[in-house]
Amino acid sequence: MSIRCPVCGTFLQPELIPAIRNPSFACSRCRTQLEVAASDPVPIFAASVMLSVASCVLMALRGFVLIAAILVVTAMLYWVGKLVWGFLAAPKLKRSQSGGKLLHLAKRIHPLPK
């Protein structure tokens, strides 16, 4: 699994990337603060809805039971899909929005005497 820094392009070791999404970490080469970008849930949700509708219709469910089964199966397939995606896909990195901002200080606090 190759994970590259989006700033300098160097390969990062997976051990350096935190498992939690929010904390930022520094790139080992350029020292830019990075964080894991949130993944797009739409493809996993669309696939889980299609699979749940197809499986519930094939089981010949009708009425309220069909609707309830589609909702429950969709939720279960979405959860399983997110879990599998988290294990298989390499995390996408982006520059940290919260960390790594430079604090700009005034160059001179007191004016120089003339």
C-alpha atoms as a PDB file:
ATOM      1  CA  MET A   1       0.000   0.000   0.000  1.00  0.00           C
ATOM      2  CA  SER A   2       1.639   3.237  -1.134  1.00  0.00           C
ATOM      3  CA  ILE A   3       0.639   6.435   0.622  1.00  0.00           C
ATOM      4  CA  ARG A   4       2.188   9.612  -0.729  1.00  0.00           C
ATOM      5  CA  CYS A   5       2.482  13.054   0.784  1.00  0.00           C
ATOM      6  CA  PRO A   6       0.271  15.413  -1.266  1.00  0.00           C
ATOM      7  CA  VAL A   7       2.843  18.224  -0.915  1.00  0.00           C
ATOM      8  CA  CYS A   8       6.271  16.700  -1.628  1.00  0.00           C
ATOM      9  CA  GLY A   9       5.268  13.280  -3.029  1.00  0.00           C
ATOM     10  CA  THR A  10       7.417  11.189  -0.724  1.00  0.00           C
ATOM     11  CA  PHE A  11       6.155   7.753   0.300  1.00  0.00           C
ATOM     12  CA  LEU A  12       4.957   7.600   3.912  1.00  0.00           C
ATOM     13  CA  GLN A  13       5.040   4.525   6.076  1.00  0.00           C
ATOM     14  CA  PRO A  14       1.545   3.412   7.145  1.00  0.00           C
ATOM     15  CA  GLU A  15       2.707   3.240  10.774  1.00  0.00           C
ATOM     16  CA  LEU A  16       3.159   7.030  10.815  1.00  0.00           C
ATOM     17  CA  ILE A  17      -0.485   7.724   9.893  1.00  0.00           C
ATOM     18  CA  PRO A  18      -2.841   7.850  12.910  1.00  0.00           C
ATOM     19  CA  ALA A  19      -5.860   5.558  12.851  1.00  0.00           C
ATOM     20  CA  ILE A  20      -8.140   8.345  14.077  1.00  0.00           C
ATOM     21  CA  ARG A  21      -9.248  10.824  11.400  1.00  0.00           C
ATOM     22  CA  ASN A  22      -8.913  14.149  13.265  1.00  0.00           C
ATOM     23  CA  PRO A  23      -5.323  14.382  14.585  1.00  0.00           C
ATOM     24  CA  SER A  24      -2.724  15.827  12.266  1.00  0.00           C
ATOM     25  CA  PHE A  25       0.817  14.571  11.815  1.00  0.00           C
ATOM     26  CA  ALA A  26       3.924  15.871  10.098  1.00  0.00           C
ATOM     27  CA  CYS A  27       5.355  14.512   6.857  1.00  0.00           C
ATOM     28  CA  SER A  28       8.738  12.934   7.515  1.00  0.00           C
ATOM     29  CA  ARG A  29      10.369  14.855   4.663  1.00  0.00           C
ATOM     30  CA  CYS A  30       8.737  18.288   4.199  1.00  0.00           C
ATOM     31  CA  ARG A  31       7.302  18.597   7.751  1.00  0.00           C
ATOM     32  CA  THR A  32       3.908  19.752   6.391  1.00  0.00           C
ATOM     33  CA  GLN A  33       1.025  19.018   8.760  1.00  0.00           C
ATOM     34  CA  LEU A  34      -1.231  16.392   7.143  1.00  0.00           C
ATOM     35  CA  GLU A  35      -4.476  14.682   8.098  1.00  0.00           C
ATOM     36  CA  VAL A  36      -6.574  11.841   6.721  1.00  0.00           C
ATOM     37  CA  ALA A  37      -9.294  13.079   4.361  1.00  0.00           C
ATOM     38  CA  ALA A  38     -12.826  11.798   4.842  1.00  0.00           C
ATOM     39  CA  SER A  39     -13.898   9.268   2.229  1.00  0.00           C
ATOM     40  CA  ASP A  40     -16.949   9.767   0.037  1.00  0.00           C
ATOM     41  CA  PRO A  41     -19.832   7.633   1.405  1.00  0.00           C
ATOM     42  CA  VAL A  42     -22.041   7.908  -1.711  1.00  0.00           C
ATOM     43  CA  PRO A  43     -20.690   4.911  -3.707  1.00  0.00           C
ATOM     44  CA  ILE A  44     -20.893   2.578  -0.711  1.00  0.00           C
ATOM     45  CA  PHE A  45     -24.399   3.809   0.127  1.00  0.00           C
ATOM     46  CA  ALA A  46     -25.589   3.430  -3.481  1.00  0.00           C
ATOM     47  CA  ALA A  47     -24.213  -0.104  -3.718  1.00  0.00           C
ATOM     48  CA  SER A  48     -25.787  -1.103  -0.404  1.00  0.00           C
ATOM     49  CA  VAL A  49     -29.205   0.273  -1.444  1.00  0.00           C
ATOM     50  CA  MET A  50     -29.099  -1.565  -4.782  1.00  0.00           C
ATOM     51  CA  LEU A  51     -28.022  -4.843  -3.187  1.00  0.00           C
ATOM     52  CA  SER A  52     -30.613  -4.613  -0.423  1.00  0.00           C
ATOM     53  CA  VAL A  53     -33.473  -3.805  -2.820  1.00  0.00           C
ATOM     54  CA  ALA A  54     -32.471  -6.625  -5.152  1.00  0.00           C
ATOM     55  CA  SER A  55     -32.102  -9.184  -2.367  1.00  0.00           C
ATOM     56  CA  CYS A  56     -35.375  -8.228  -0.645  1.00  0.00           C
ATOM     57  CA  VAL A  57     -37.330  -8.312  -3.921  1.00  0.00           C
ATOM     58  CA  LEU A  58     -35.818 -11.691  -4.792  1.00  0.00           C
ATOM     59  CA  MET A  59     -36.978 -13.004  -1.415  1.00  0.00           C
ATOM     60  CA  ALA A  60     -40.544 -12.071  -2.475  1.00  0.00           C
ATOM     61  CA  LEU A  61     -41.182  -9.773   0.474  1.00  0.00           C
ATOM     62  CA  ARG A  62     -44.208  -7.453   0.195  1.00  0.00           C
ATOM     63  CA  GLY A  63     -45.661  -4.390   1.855  1.00  0.00           C
ATOM     64  CA  PHE A  64     -44.358  -3.066   5.143  1.00  0.00           C
ATOM     65  CA  VAL A  65     -42.047  -6.054   5.590  1.00  0.00           C
ATOM     66  CA  LEU A  66     -40.361  -5.204   2.261  1.00  0.00           C
ATOM     67  CA  ILE A  67     -39.755  -1.580   3.284  1.00  0.00           C
ATOM     68  CA  ALA A  68     -38.521  -2.506   6.773  1.00  0.00           C
ATOM     69  CA  ALA A  69     -36.239  -5.223   5.389  1.00  0.00           C
ATOM     70  CA  ILE A  70     -34.775  -2.844   2.788  1.00  0.00           C
ATOM     71  CA  LEU A  71     -33.985  -0.271   5.486  1.00  0.00           C
ATOM     72  CA  VAL A  72     -32.386  -2.810   7.827  1.00  0.00           C
ATOM     73  CA  VAL A  73     -30.406  -4.586   5.101  1.00  0.00           C
ATOM     74  CA  THR A  74     -29.245  -1.242   3.662  1.00  0.00           C
ATOM     75  CA  ALA A  75     -27.930  -0.161   7.063  1.00  0.00           C
ATOM     76  CA  MET A  76     -26.139  -3.465   7.586  1.00  0.00           C
ATOM     77  CA  LEU A  77     -24.580  -3.510   4.106  1.00  0.00           C
ATOM     78  CA  TYR A  78     -23.476   0.129   4.442  1.00  0.00           C
ATOM     79  CA  TRP A  79     -21.766  -0.628   7.764  1.00  0.00           C
ATOM     80  CA  VAL A  80     -20.048  -3.719   6.343  1.00  0.00           C
ATOM     81  CA  GLY A  81     -19.045  -1.799   3.203  1.00  0.00           C
ATOM     82  CA  LYS A  82     -17.471   1.033   5.227  1.00  0.00           C
ATOM     83  CA  LEU A  83     -15.615  -1.522   7.356  1.00  0.00           C
ATOM     84  CA  VAL A  84     -14.250  -3.403   4.332  1.00  0.00           C
ATOM     85  CA  TRP A  85     -13.359  -0.131   2.553  1.00  0.00           C
ATOM     86  CA  GLY A  86     -11.444   1.007   5.631  1.00  0.00           C
ATOM     87  CA  PHE A  87      -9.358  -2.166   5.606  1.00  0.00           C
ATOM     88  CA  LEU A  88      -8.684  -2.338   1.857  1.00  0.00           C
ATOM     89  CA  ALA A  89      -8.338   1.242   0.634  1.00  0.00           C
ATOM     90  CA  ALA A  90      -5.287   3.402   1.231  1.00  0.00           C
ATOM     91  CA  PRO A  91      -6.185   6.552   3.172  1.00  0.00           C
ATOM     92  CA  LYS A  92      -6.158   9.823   1.245  1.00  0.00           C
ATOM     93  CA  LEU A  93      -4.132  12.592   2.830  1.00  0.00           C
ATOM     94  CA  LYS A  94      -4.618  16.351   2.712  1.00  0.00           C
ATOM     95  CA  ARG A  95      -3.042  19.380   4.325  1.00  0.00           C
ATOM     96  CA  SER A  96      -4.251  19.875   7.858  1.00  0.00           C
ATOM     97  CA  GLN A  97      -6.818  22.650   8.241  1.00  0.00           C
ATOM     98  CA  SER A  98      -6.306  23.058  11.980  1.00  0.00           C
ATOM     99  CA  GLY A  99      -2.649  22.317  12.557  1.00  0.00           C
ATOM    100  CA  GLY A 100       0.449  23.719  11.032  1.00  0.00           C
ATOM    101  CA  LYS A 101      -0.688  27.314  10.662  1.00  0.00           C
ATOM    102  CA  LEU A 102       2.070  29.792  11.263  1.00  0.00           C
ATOM    103  CA  LEU A 103       1.624  32.441  13.884  1.00  0.00           C
ATOM    104  CA  HIS A 104       2.473  35.813  12.400  1.00  0.00           C
ATOM    105  CA  LEU A 105       4.193  38.083  14.865  1.00  0.00           C
ATOM    106  CA  ALA A 106       5.008  41.710  14.457  1.00  0.00           C
ATOM    107  CA  LYS A 107       8.584  42.286  13.357  1.00  0.00           C
ATOM    108  CA  ARG A 108       9.069  45.061  15.836  1.00  0.00           C
ATOM    109  CA  ILE A 109       7.225  45.507  19.057  1.00  0.00           C
ATOM    110  CA  HIS A 110       8.743  48.871  19.883  1.00  0.00           C
ATOM    111  CA  PRO A 111       9.814  51.433  17.296  1.00  0.00           C
ATOM    112  CA  LEU A 112      13.529  51.999  16.941  1.00  0.00           C
ATOM    113  CA  PRO A 113      14.864  55.275  18.420  1.00  0.00           C
ATOM    114  CA  LYS A 114      15.879  57.898  15.874  1.00  0.00           C
END
